[in-house]
Amino acid sequence: MIEFDRVTVTYDGATEPAIREVSFTIPEGELALVIGRTGSGKSTLLRTINGLVPHFTGGTLAGRVIVNGRDTREYRPRDLADVVGIVGQDPMAGFVTDTVEDELAYSMESLGIAPDVMRRRVEETLDLLGLADVRDRALTSLSGGQRQRTAIGAALTSHPAVLVLDEPTSALDPQAAEEVLAALQRLVHDLGVTVVMAEHRLERVIQYADRVIEVPGGSAAVTTGLPVDQMVTAPVAPPVVELGRLAGWSPLPLSVRDARRAAVALRSRLTNLAPLRPVAVEGRELAQCKDLVVAYGNTPALRGVSLSIRSGEVVALMGRNGAGKSTLLNALVGLVQPRSGSATAAGADPRRTKPSRLVKVVGLVPQEPADLLYAATVADECAGADSDFRVAPGSCRAVLDRLAPGIDDQLHPRDLSEGQRLCLALAVVLCSAPPLLLLDEPTRGLDYGAKHRLVEILRELALAGHAVVLSTHDVEMVAEVATRVLVLADGELVSDGETATVIAGSPAFAPQVAKILAPLPFLTVGEVASALERAS
């Protein structure tokens, strides 16, 4: 179905190819998982499949990409639209209509599909992806996860033979991600659709993959093989694989079920051991909500939320897509007007505080990192952040190098990968080290290495007396760094407690290690390794 024959892509002005001498074949009806570090060239590889590279992006493509018998050098994206459906990292960038239902119908209208068929497919897709309740909603009013599901649905309705997905579960809560992946499985197994997916959250998808394509970046060769074989040496691997490597299991398990079967001896060794976790040293109150109510028109977003955030805490804000997490963060920086109740940051009402003063006490990295980026180059962006926050020259660049080493100073922020762009936005805010730091989905597009480096920075800030609140669906990061978890449901605060207490017993929010080693109280591979080292 898809054939790469010695494909090399070099963008205009680049000194090195984005991908080099790539050759492999994907048969019909397989799910191929593309893995690699942030910025390694995964998105470039995906975009060659429907001709976006080079017809839209520019640059030079050497070699051939054949999709269903069509050479992408000769067929432009519009000529492949009936064969290839594609969903990019930024759903909003691909939307062309105003409402969910119209967006689902648009690709079929373009292909001239009969109205009665269009109607049936729209209804099927709304049910398949859990979008029926928002069918008439404006796309701009949706949560990030709802937008992602709409983008996937828009690609599905035209029934493509090949479906290309770039980070399809990055903005989805665990339940929604499972539903989307189950739908993709049905397409692959029952309808013979070929799915090519790039994803950093391998813990969600590795067990479904028929093959893994590893894009290492640089001059290293792209490799492909069975998931169990590729995971033995892959530099990016989910916790279930990392635990298998630590315990010396062979073959490596790819699912929680297989790992639990292999973990009998490991659970026995850990029975009388306890994990060591840092304890938050709480200080002064840095944020407070009291009976906070926020609504968008007649749609309630927050219903009487009351909470307090203190220095030294790393607080994870969790819940389904549309539960009100982003609204809560926006209320703490004054971006939304409470209907009743109050939200304060560092003792001040953010709606009545001058922006020049507010940025010194609270920093927000929004879901769309590009909202913070306005300069023409990475170097200018970093220099502007140093100047705006009156920190030492080079401070922002130092944080960026720590999160994502090696980004070219002269690149435009829009030419970065989604993960690199997020790292730049994080560096812009983190370099000022505000007392209260708010992060909205801070791991979208980040590989495991970048996430570990971000965790280290957040821990250092907490130890220095800052408070961090992160809205996230990334349960593995929550297990690594959060000292406390708040769970929102339909705008209400339904749970507030210590991380292990809230997430360990939850089918939706429990990390992989907790599921594998239950009922033992371990949450991460690091905790297991530390306990085994102390016992040896």
Protein backbone atom coordinates (compact mmCIF):
# COMPACT_ATOMS: atom_id res chain seq x y z
CA MET A 1 0.00 0.00 0.00
CA ILE A 2 2.85 2.43 0.89
CA GLU A 3 6.41 2.16 -0.40
CA PHE A 4 9.37 4.39 0.47
CA ASP A 5 12.30 3.95 -1.92
CA ARG A 6 15.50 5.73 -0.80
CA VAL A 7 13.62 8.87 0.23
CA THR A 8 15.61 11.91 1.33
CA VAL A 9 13.98 15.25 2.15
CA THR A 10 15.97 18.47 2.45
CA TYR A 11 14.21 21.74 3.23
CA ASP A 12 15.27 25.01 1.61
CA GLY A 13 18.12 26.61 3.54
CA ALA A 14 18.76 23.51 5.67
CA THR A 15 22.32 22.19 5.96
CA GLU A 16 21.21 18.60 6.65
CA PRO A 17 18.32 16.48 5.34
CA ALA A 18 15.28 16.12 7.59
CA ILE A 19 15.14 12.41 6.70
CA ARG A 20 17.79 10.49 4.78
CA GLU A 21 17.70 7.38 2.53
CA VAL A 22 14.45 5.99 3.95
CA SER A 23 13.29 2.67 2.49
CA PHE A 24 10.47 0.45 3.74
CA THR A 25 7.09 -0.97 2.72
CA ILE A 26 3.79 -0.95 4.64
CA PRO A 27 1.26 -3.55 3.42
CA GLU A 28 -2.47 -2.93 3.28
CA GLY A 29 -4.34 -3.20 6.60
CA GLU A 30 -1.43 -2.59 8.98
CA LEU A 31 -1.01 -0.10 11.80
CA ALA A 32 2.51 1.34 11.57
CA LEU A 33 3.78 3.35 14.55
CA VAL A 34 6.41 6.02 13.87
CA ILE A 35 8.61 6.78 16.88
CA GLY A 36 11.57 9.04 17.56
CA ARG A 37 12.78 11.96 19.58
CA THR A 38 11.20 15.42 19.36
CA GLY A 39 12.29 17.05 16.10
CA SER A 40 13.76 13.88 14.59
CA GLY A 41 11.75 14.11 11.35
CA LYS A 42 8.63 12.06 12.10
CA SER A 43 6.21 14.73 10.83
CA THR A 44 8.27 15.14 7.67
CA LEU A 45 8.03 11.42 7.00
CA LEU A 46 4.25 11.45 7.51
CA ARG A 47 3.74 14.43 5.22
CA THR A 48 5.51 12.76 2.33
CA ILE A 49 2.74 10.14 2.27
CA ASN A 50 0.11 12.55 0.92
CA GLY A 51 2.50 14.85 -0.92
CA LEU A 52 2.46 17.79 1.50
CA VAL A 53 6.22 17.33 1.36
CA PRO A 54 7.44 18.76 -0.95
CA HIS A 55 4.42 20.22 -2.84
CA PHE A 56 3.29 22.40 0.08
CA THR A 57 6.35 22.73 2.31
CA GLY A 58 8.91 23.24 -0.45
CA GLY A 59 12.35 21.70 -0.35
CA THR A 60 13.72 18.75 -2.30
CA LEU A 61 12.51 15.15 -2.25
CA ALA A 62 14.86 12.53 -3.63
CA GLY A 63 13.69 8.97 -4.13
CA ARG A 64 10.07 7.85 -4.48
CA VAL A 65 7.01 7.50 -2.27
CA ILE A 66 4.35 5.26 -3.82
CA VAL A 67 0.87 5.23 -2.25
CA ASN A 68 -1.70 2.83 -3.67
CA GLY A 69 0.22 2.84 -6.95
CA ARG A 70 0.52 6.66 -7.14
CA ASP A 71 3.89 8.43 -7.09
CA THR A 72 3.62 11.46 -4.79
CA ARG A 73 6.05 13.39 -6.97
CA GLU A 74 3.43 13.36 -9.72
CA TYR A 75 0.27 13.49 -7.57
CA ARG A 76 -0.35 16.54 -5.42
CA PRO A 77 -2.20 16.37 -2.06
CA ARG A 78 -5.54 17.19 -3.74
CA ASP A 79 -4.99 14.28 -6.15
CA LEU A 80 -4.44 11.91 -3.22
CA ALA A 81 -7.38 13.14 -1.12
CA ASP A 82 -9.54 10.16 -2.06
CA VAL A 83 -6.83 7.75 -0.89
CA VAL A 84 -5.07 9.45 2.04
CA GLY A 85 -6.66 11.14 5.04
CA ILE A 86 -4.29 13.12 7.25
CA VAL A 87 -4.59 14.67 10.72
CA GLY A 88 -1.80 17.03 11.75
CA GLN A 89 -0.47 17.97 15.18
CA ASP A 90 -2.51 21.18 15.27
CA PRO A 91 -6.19 20.39 14.53
CA MET A 92 -7.23 24.06 14.25
CA ALA A 93 -4.75 24.59 11.42
CA GLY A 94 -6.63 22.05 9.30
CA PHE A 95 -10.21 23.17 9.94
CA VAL A 96 -12.03 24.93 7.10
CA THR A 97 -15.60 25.28 8.44
CA ASP A 98 -17.20 26.70 11.58
CA THR A 99 -18.99 23.81 13.32
CA VAL A 100 -18.28 20.18 14.14
CA GLU A 101 -20.92 18.71 11.82
CA ASP A 102 -19.91 20.90 8.89
CA GLU A 103 -16.25 19.93 9.36
CA LEU A 104 -17.10 16.22 9.29
CA ALA A 105 -19.01 16.70 6.03
CA TYR A 106 -16.51 18.96 4.25
CA SER A 107 -14.10 16.31 2.90
CA MET A 108 -17.03 14.29 1.50
CA GLU A 109 -18.47 17.38 -0.19
CA SER A 110 -15.08 17.96 -1.82
CA LEU A 111 -15.11 14.41 -3.18
CA GLY A 112 -18.70 14.68 -4.49
CA ILE A 113 -20.17 11.95 -2.26
CA ALA A 114 -23.98 11.59 -2.40
CA PRO A 115 -25.89 13.55 0.30
CA ASP A 116 -27.61 10.48 1.79
CA VAL A 117 -24.25 8.71 2.16
CA MET A 118 -22.73 11.84 3.70
CA ARG A 119 -25.53 12.04 6.25
CA ARG A 120 -25.08 8.42 7.31
CA ARG A 121 -21.31 8.71 7.63
CA VAL A 122 -21.53 11.90 9.70
CA GLU A 123 -23.88 10.22 12.17
CA GLU A 124 -21.66 7.13 12.37
CA THR A 125 -18.58 9.25 13.02
CA LEU A 126 -20.30 11.39 15.66
CA ASP A 127 -21.19 8.22 17.56
CA LEU A 128 -17.84 6.54 16.97
CA LEU A 129 -15.84 9.44 18.46
CA GLY A 130 -18.29 10.63 21.09
CA LEU A 131 -19.00 13.97 19.40
CA ALA A 132 -22.81 13.85 19.16
CA ASP A 133 -23.23 16.26 22.09
CA VAL A 134 -21.12 18.96 20.40
CA ARG A 135 -22.26 18.49 16.79
CA ASP A 136 -23.59 22.08 16.54
CA ARG A 137 -20.79 23.71 18.54
CA ALA A 138 -18.38 26.20 17.01
CA LEU A 139 -14.95 24.68 16.52
CA THR A 140 -13.37 27.60 18.37
CA SER A 141 -15.42 26.79 21.48
CA LEU A 142 -14.22 23.18 21.78
CA SER A 143 -11.63 21.88 24.21
CA GLY A 144 -8.32 20.69 22.79
CA GLY A 145 -9.38 17.06 22.99
CA GLN A 146 -12.72 17.70 21.30
CA ARG A 147 -10.91 19.48 18.47
CA GLN A 148 -8.57 16.53 18.08
CA ARG A 149 -11.47 14.07 17.84
CA THR A 150 -13.20 16.34 15.30
CA ALA A 151 -10.08 16.43 13.15
CA ILE A 152 -9.81 12.65 13.25
CA GLY A 153 -13.50 12.35 12.37
CA ALA A 154 -13.12 14.73 9.43
CA ALA A 155 -10.41 12.49 8.02
CA LEU A 156 -12.42 9.32 8.63
CA THR A 157 -15.69 10.30 6.94
CA SER A 158 -14.26 10.09 3.42
CA HIS A 159 -13.27 6.43 4.12
CA PRO A 160 -9.63 6.76 2.98
CA ALA A 161 -7.55 3.66 2.25
CA VAL A 162 -4.65 5.23 4.17
CA LEU A 163 -5.01 7.25 7.37
CA VAL A 164 -2.03 9.32 8.55
CA LEU A 165 -2.11 10.62 12.13
CA ASP A 166 0.41 12.91 13.82
CA GLU A 167 0.09 12.70 17.64
CA PRO A 168 -3.61 11.70 17.53
CA THR A 169 -4.02 11.10 21.28
CA SER A 170 -1.83 13.89 22.64
CA ALA A 171 -4.76 16.09 23.71
CA LEU A 172 -7.14 13.29 24.67
CA ASP A 173 -8.01 12.09 28.15
CA PRO A 174 -7.28 8.38 28.78
CA GLN A 175 -10.86 7.25 28.12
CA ALA A 176 -11.16 9.24 24.89
CA ALA A 177 -7.77 7.97 23.72
CA GLU A 178 -8.87 4.38 24.28
CA GLU A 179 -12.04 5.02 22.27
CA VAL A 180 -10.11 6.55 19.36
CA LEU A 181 -7.56 3.74 19.34
CA ALA A 182 -10.34 1.14 19.46
CA ALA A 183 -11.95 2.85 16.45
CA LEU A 184 -8.64 2.76 14.58
CA GLN A 185 -8.27 -0.92 15.42
CA ARG A 186 -11.67 -1.62 13.88
CA LEU A 187 -10.69 0.26 10.73
CA VAL A 188 -7.48 -1.74 10.42
CA HIS A 189 -8.88 -5.17 11.27
CA ASP A 190 -12.36 -5.01 9.76
CA LEU A 191 -11.98 -2.63 6.80
CA GLY A 192 -8.32 -3.11 5.85
CA VAL A 193 -7.42 0.57 6.31
CA THR A 194 -3.68 1.23 6.51
CA VAL A 195 -2.88 3.51 9.47
CA VAL A 196 0.44 5.33 9.89
CA MET A 197 0.68 7.07 13.25
CA ALA A 198 3.37 9.13 14.99
CA GLU A 199 2.91 9.19 18.75
CA HIS A 200 5.07 10.05 21.75
CA ARG A 201 2.74 8.46 24.31
CA LEU A 202 3.83 4.95 23.45
CA GLU A 203 2.23 3.52 26.58
CA ARG A 204 -1.11 4.09 24.85
CA VAL A 205 -0.40 2.65 21.41
CA ILE A 206 2.58 0.29 21.28
CA GLN A 207 0.49 -2.83 21.95
CA TYR A 208 -1.72 -2.08 18.91
CA ALA A 209 1.10 -1.61 16.39
CA ASP A 210 1.88 -4.18 13.70
CA ARG A 211 5.23 -2.55 12.97
CA VAL A 212 7.40 0.21 14.38
CA ILE A 213 9.29 2.72 12.24
CA GLU A 214 12.03 4.41 14.25
CA VAL A 215 13.20 7.84 13.05
CA PRO A 216 16.37 8.60 15.05
CA GLY A 217 17.15 11.94 13.42
CA GLY A 218 20.52 13.22 12.22
CA SER A 219 22.48 10.95 9.92
CA ALA A 220 21.31 7.70 11.53
CA ALA A 221 19.25 5.38 9.36
CA VAL A 222 15.51 4.94 9.76
CA THR A 223 14.78 1.37 10.85
CA THR A 224 11.61 -0.72 10.87
CA GLY A 225 10.60 -4.00 12.44
CA LEU A 226 8.26 -5.77 14.82
CA PRO A 227 7.42 -3.73 17.95
CA VAL A 228 8.89 -6.30 20.37
CA ASP A 229 12.19 -6.27 18.44
CA GLN A 230 12.41 -2.49 18.02
CA MET A 231 11.71 -1.85 21.71
CA VAL A 232 14.81 -3.77 22.82
CA THR A 233 17.11 -0.89 21.84
CA ALA A 234 14.74 2.01 21.13
CA PRO A 235 15.86 5.25 22.85
CA VAL A 236 12.20 6.15 23.49
CA ALA A 237 10.16 3.49 25.26
CA PRO A 238 7.03 3.36 27.45
CA PRO A 239 7.18 2.51 31.18
CA VAL A 240 6.05 -1.09 30.56
CA VAL A 241 9.13 -1.63 28.37
CA GLU A 242 11.45 0.25 30.75
CA LEU A 243 10.23 -1.95 33.61
CA GLY A 244 10.82 -5.03 31.46
CA ARG A 245 14.37 -3.88 30.71
CA LEU A 246 14.99 -3.25 34.43
CA ALA A 247 13.68 -6.69 35.42
CA GLY A 248 15.41 -8.47 32.54
CA TRP A 249 12.24 -9.91 31.00
CA SER A 250 12.47 -11.56 27.59
CA PRO A 251 10.57 -11.09 25.41
CA LEU A 252 9.77 -7.56 26.51
CA PRO A 253 6.08 -7.06 27.32
CA LEU A 254 4.20 -4.40 25.36
CA SER A 255 0.96 -4.43 27.33
CA VAL A 256 0.04 -4.22 31.01
CA ARG A 257 -1.57 -7.64 30.80
CA ASP A 258 1.62 -9.32 29.54
CA ALA A 259 3.72 -7.42 32.07
CA ARG A 260 1.54 -8.51 35.01
CA ARG A 261 2.06 -12.13 34.00
CA ALA A 262 5.83 -11.61 33.90
CA ALA A 263 5.95 -9.60 37.15
CA VAL A 264 5.16 -12.34 39.67
CA ALA A 265 8.76 -12.65 40.86
CA LEU A 266 9.30 -8.89 40.80
CA ARG A 267 6.22 -8.27 42.95
CA SER A 268 7.55 -10.82 45.42
CA ARG A 269 10.90 -9.00 45.66
CA LEU A 270 9.14 -5.68 46.24
CA THR A 271 6.54 -6.89 48.75
CA ASN A 272 8.23 -5.52 51.87
CA LEU A 273 9.70 -2.43 50.20
CA ALA A 274 8.18 1.04 49.98
CA PRO A 275 8.78 3.75 47.37
CA LEU A 276 10.59 6.92 48.34
CA ARG A 277 8.81 10.07 47.22
CA PRO A 278 9.68 13.73 47.80
CA VAL A 279 7.40 15.46 50.27
CA ALA A 280 6.17 18.94 49.34
CA VAL A 281 7.24 21.62 51.79
CA GLU A 282 4.21 23.87 51.60
CA GLY A 283 4.55 27.57 52.24
CA ARG A 284 2.47 30.66 51.58
CA GLU A 285 -0.70 30.62 49.52
CA LEU A 286 -0.08 31.59 45.89
CA ALA A 287 -3.50 30.94 44.34
CA GLN A 288 -7.04 30.63 45.57
CA CYS A 289 -10.45 29.98 44.08
CA LYS A 290 -13.55 30.48 46.17
CA ASP A 291 -16.93 29.26 44.89
CA LEU A 292 -15.71 30.03 41.36
CA VAL A 293 -18.37 29.87 38.64
CA VAL A 294 -17.50 30.45 34.96
CA ALA A 295 -19.79 30.00 31.96
CA TYR A 296 -19.53 30.52 28.22
CA GLY A 297 -22.94 31.86 27.27
CA ASN A 298 -25.39 29.32 28.65
CA THR A 299 -22.76 26.58 28.91
CA PRO A 300 -21.29 26.23 32.42
CA ALA A 301 -17.55 25.53 32.55
CA LEU A 302 -16.84 25.72 36.30
CA ARG A 303 -19.41 25.16 39.03
CA GLY A 304 -18.51 26.49 42.46
CA VAL A 305 -14.83 25.45 42.52
CA SER A 306 -12.92 26.20 45.73
CA LEU A 307 -9.22 25.39 46.18
CA SER A 308 -5.91 26.73 47.46
CA ILE A 309 -2.43 26.35 45.95
CA ARG A 310 0.66 26.89 48.10
CA SER A 311 4.34 27.38 47.33
CA GLY A 312 6.32 24.15 47.08
CA GLU A 313 3.45 22.22 45.51
CA VAL A 314 3.30 20.61 42.08
CA VAL A 315 -0.42 20.18 41.47
CA ALA A 316 -1.81 18.12 38.58
CA LEU A 317 -5.21 19.11 37.23
CA MET A 318 -6.92 16.11 35.60
CA GLY A 319 -10.29 15.17 34.16
CA ARG A 320 -12.07 14.44 30.88
CA ASN A 321 -11.81 16.70 27.86
CA GLY A 322 -14.12 19.67 28.44
CA ALA A 323 -14.14 19.23 32.24
CA GLY A 324 -13.00 22.83 32.81
CA LYS A 325 -9.25 22.45 33.34
CA SER A 326 -8.13 25.13 30.88
CA THR A 327 -10.89 27.45 32.10
CA LEU A 328 -9.57 27.17 35.65
CA LEU A 329 -6.04 28.06 34.57
CA ASN A 330 -7.34 30.94 32.46
CA ALA A 331 -9.32 32.26 35.44
CA LEU A 332 -6.11 32.41 37.51
CA VAL A 333 -4.52 34.75 34.95
CA GLY A 334 -7.65 36.81 34.27
CA LEU A 335 -8.40 35.55 30.76
CA VAL A 336 -12.01 34.67 31.66
CA GLN A 337 -14.56 36.62 33.67
CA PRO A 338 -16.07 34.72 36.63
CA ARG A 339 -19.84 34.76 36.72
CA SER A 340 -19.62 34.55 40.51
CA GLY A 341 -17.06 33.68 43.16
CA SER A 342 -13.41 34.68 42.87
CA ALA A 343 -9.99 33.60 41.61
CA THR A 344 -6.83 35.23 42.92
CA ALA A 345 -3.13 34.82 42.10
CA ALA A 346 -0.53 35.92 44.65
CA GLY A 347 -3.27 37.73 46.55
CA ALA A 348 -4.37 39.86 43.60
CA ASP A 349 -7.41 39.75 41.35
CA PRO A 350 -5.86 39.01 37.92
CA ARG A 351 -8.68 40.85 36.14
CA ARG A 352 -7.77 44.05 37.96
CA THR A 353 -4.00 43.73 37.94
CA LYS A 354 -1.80 45.43 35.36
CA PRO A 355 -0.26 42.88 32.96
CA SER A 356 3.22 44.23 33.69
CA ARG A 357 2.76 43.31 37.36
CA LEU A 358 0.81 40.11 36.76
CA VAL A 359 3.54 38.46 34.65
CA LYS A 360 5.94 38.83 37.57
CA VAL A 361 3.79 36.66 39.83
CA VAL A 362 2.08 34.19 37.50
CA GLY A 363 3.07 32.62 34.16
CA LEU A 364 0.84 30.58 31.83
CA VAL A 365 1.92 28.31 28.99
CA PRO A 366 -1.35 27.78 27.02
CA GLN A 367 -2.40 24.73 25.01
CA GLU A 368 -1.34 26.51 21.82
CA PRO A 369 2.33 27.45 22.41
CA ALA A 370 2.36 29.60 19.26
CA ASP A 371 0.17 32.10 21.15
CA LEU A 372 3.30 33.14 23.08
CA LEU A 373 5.66 33.30 20.10
CA TYR A 374 5.88 36.36 17.90
CA ALA A 375 9.53 36.86 16.85
CA ALA A 376 11.03 35.88 13.50
CA THR A 377 13.73 33.55 14.86
CA VAL A 378 14.38 31.37 17.89
CA ALA A 379 17.26 33.64 18.88
CA ASP A 380 15.04 36.75 18.77
CA GLU A 381 12.35 34.95 20.79
CA CYS A 382 14.85 34.06 23.51
CA ALA A 383 16.41 37.53 23.54
CA GLY A 384 12.96 39.11 23.77
CA ALA A 385 12.04 36.92 26.74
CA ASP A 386 15.28 37.85 28.54
CA SER A 387 14.54 41.51 27.97
CA ASP A 388 10.84 41.36 28.87
CA PHE A 389 11.46 39.55 32.15
CA ARG A 390 14.70 41.43 32.92
CA VAL A 391 16.77 38.32 33.42
CA ALA A 392 20.39 37.75 32.44
CA PRO A 393 21.02 37.48 28.68
CA GLY A 394 21.04 33.84 27.63
CA SER A 395 18.66 32.71 30.39
CA CYS A 396 15.85 31.69 28.03
CA ARG A 397 18.26 29.96 25.64
CA ALA A 398 19.77 28.02 28.55
CA VAL A 399 16.34 26.67 29.54
CA LEU A 400 15.58 25.81 25.89
CA ASP A 401 18.87 23.93 25.53
CA ARG A 402 18.04 21.98 28.64
CA LEU A 403 14.60 20.99 27.33
CA ALA A 404 15.44 20.46 23.65
CA PRO A 405 19.16 20.69 22.88
CA GLY A 406 20.40 21.67 19.45
CA ILE A 407 17.60 23.87 18.05
CA ASP A 408 19.01 26.24 15.42
CA ASP A 409 18.95 29.90 16.56
CA GLN A 410 17.96 31.13 13.10
CA LEU A 411 14.89 28.94 12.59
CA HIS A 412 11.49 30.59 12.57
CA PRO A 413 9.30 29.26 15.42
CA ARG A 414 6.68 28.09 12.91
CA ASP A 415 9.32 25.88 11.25
CA LEU A 416 9.91 23.96 14.48
CA SER A 417 8.20 20.67 15.24
CA GLU A 418 5.22 20.85 17.59
CA GLY A 419 7.36 19.53 20.45
CA GLN A 420 10.19 21.97 19.77
CA ARG A 421 7.72 24.86 19.61
CA LEU A 422 6.28 23.82 22.96
CA CYS A 423 9.79 23.66 24.44
CA LEU A 424 10.43 27.21 23.20
CA ALA A 425 7.18 28.48 24.77
CA LEU A 426 8.06 26.68 28.01
CA ALA A 427 11.52 28.26 28.00
CA VAL A 428 10.02 31.74 27.47
CA VAL A 429 7.88 31.39 30.60
CA LEU A 430 10.22 29.26 32.72
CA CYS A 431 13.17 31.64 32.36
CA SER A 432 11.28 34.23 34.41
CA ALA A 433 10.62 31.65 37.17
CA PRO A 434 7.32 33.23 38.33
CA PRO A 435 6.14 32.29 41.84
CA LEU A 436 3.04 30.64 40.31
CA LEU A 437 3.52 28.63 37.11
CA LEU A 438 0.51 27.34 35.14
CA LEU A 439 1.04 24.77 32.37
CA ASP A 440 -1.78 23.67 30.06
CA GLU A 441 -0.96 20.30 28.45
CA PRO A 442 2.82 20.85 28.77
CA THR A 443 3.87 17.47 27.30
CA ARG A 444 2.08 17.49 23.92
CA GLY A 445 4.68 16.61 21.32
CA LEU A 446 7.44 15.89 23.86
CA ASP A 447 9.36 12.64 23.85
CA TYR A 448 10.20 10.81 27.07
CA GLY A 449 13.61 12.47 27.35
CA ALA A 450 12.19 15.99 27.08
CA LYS A 451 9.49 15.11 29.62
CA HIS A 452 12.10 13.87 32.10
CA ARG A 453 14.06 17.11 31.68
CA LEU A 454 10.89 19.15 32.24
CA VAL A 455 10.14 17.11 35.36
CA GLU A 456 13.59 17.97 36.74
CA ILE A 457 13.01 21.69 36.15
CA LEU A 458 9.59 21.60 37.82
CA ARG A 459 11.00 19.77 40.83
CA GLU A 460 13.73 22.39 41.18
CA LEU A 461 11.16 25.20 41.04
CA ALA A 462 9.04 23.52 43.72
CA LEU A 463 12.07 23.06 45.99
CA ALA A 464 12.87 26.77 45.49
CA GLY A 465 9.42 27.73 46.77
CA HIS A 466 7.45 28.12 43.55
CA ALA A 467 4.06 26.55 42.92
CA VAL A 468 3.29 24.64 39.72
CA VAL A 469 -0.16 23.75 38.41
CA LEU A 470 -0.27 21.57 35.30
CA SER A 471 -3.40 20.59 33.42
CA THR A 472 -2.62 17.28 31.75
CA HIS A 473 -3.83 13.91 30.53
CA ASP A 474 -0.30 12.51 30.83
CA VAL A 475 -0.70 10.15 33.79
CA GLU A 476 2.93 9.04 33.57
CA MET A 477 4.20 12.58 34.07
CA VAL A 478 1.73 13.11 36.92
CA ALA A 479 3.14 10.02 38.63
CA GLU A 480 6.68 11.39 38.19
CA VAL A 481 6.30 14.95 39.42
CA ALA A 482 2.94 15.80 41.04
CA THR A 483 2.61 16.01 44.81
CA ARG A 484 -1.14 16.53 44.65
CA VAL A 485 -3.91 15.80 42.14
CA LEU A 486 -7.17 17.66 41.54
CA VAL A 487 -9.82 15.98 39.38
CA LEU A 488 -12.51 18.01 37.62
CA ALA A 489 -15.72 16.55 36.17
CA ASP A 490 -18.28 18.69 34.35
CA GLY A 491 -16.84 21.80 35.96
CA GLU A 492 -16.93 20.47 39.53
CA LEU A 493 -13.96 19.58 41.73
CA VAL A 494 -14.61 15.92 42.57
CA SER A 495 -11.26 14.84 44.01
CA ASP A 496 -8.37 16.57 45.76
CA GLY A 497 -5.61 14.59 47.42
CA GLU A 498 -2.11 13.15 47.44
CA THR A 499 -1.00 11.83 44.05
CA ALA A 500 -0.70 8.15 44.95
CA THR A 501 -4.06 8.19 46.75
CA VAL A 502 -5.95 9.74 43.82
CA ILE A 503 -4.44 7.97 40.80
CA ALA A 504 -3.18 4.57 41.96
CA GLY A 505 -6.60 2.95 42.22
CA SER A 506 -8.18 4.69 39.24
CA PRO A 507 -8.68 2.55 36.11
CA ALA A 508 -8.42 5.71 33.98
CA PHE A 509 -5.61 7.63 35.70
CA ALA A 510 -3.35 4.88 37.09
CA PRO A 511 0.12 4.80 35.45
CA GLN A 512 1.39 1.59 33.89
CA VAL A 513 3.69 0.60 36.76
CA ALA A 514 0.83 0.94 39.27
CA LYS A 515 -1.34 -1.36 37.16
CA ILE A 516 1.45 -3.91 36.69
CA LEU A 517 2.53 -4.08 40.34
CA ALA A 518 -0.84 -3.57 42.06
CA PRO A 519 -1.57 -3.80 44.95
CA LEU A 520 1.98 -2.61 45.70
CA PRO A 521 2.22 1.20 46.00
CA PHE A 522 4.75 1.86 43.21
CA LEU A 523 3.95 4.42 40.50
CA THR A 524 7.09 4.75 38.37
CA VAL A 525 10.02 2.72 37.07
CA GLY A 526 12.35 5.05 38.99
CA GLU A 527 10.67 4.16 42.28
CA VAL A 528 11.06 0.44 41.52
CA ALA A 529 14.74 0.82 40.56
CA SER A 530 15.46 2.80 43.74
CA ALA A 531 13.73 0.22 45.94
CA LEU A 532 15.62 -2.68 44.35
CA GLU A 533 18.90 -0.82 44.73
CA ARG A 534 18.26 -0.22 48.44
CA ALA A 535 17.39 -3.89 48.93
CA SER A 536 20.50 -5.22 47.20
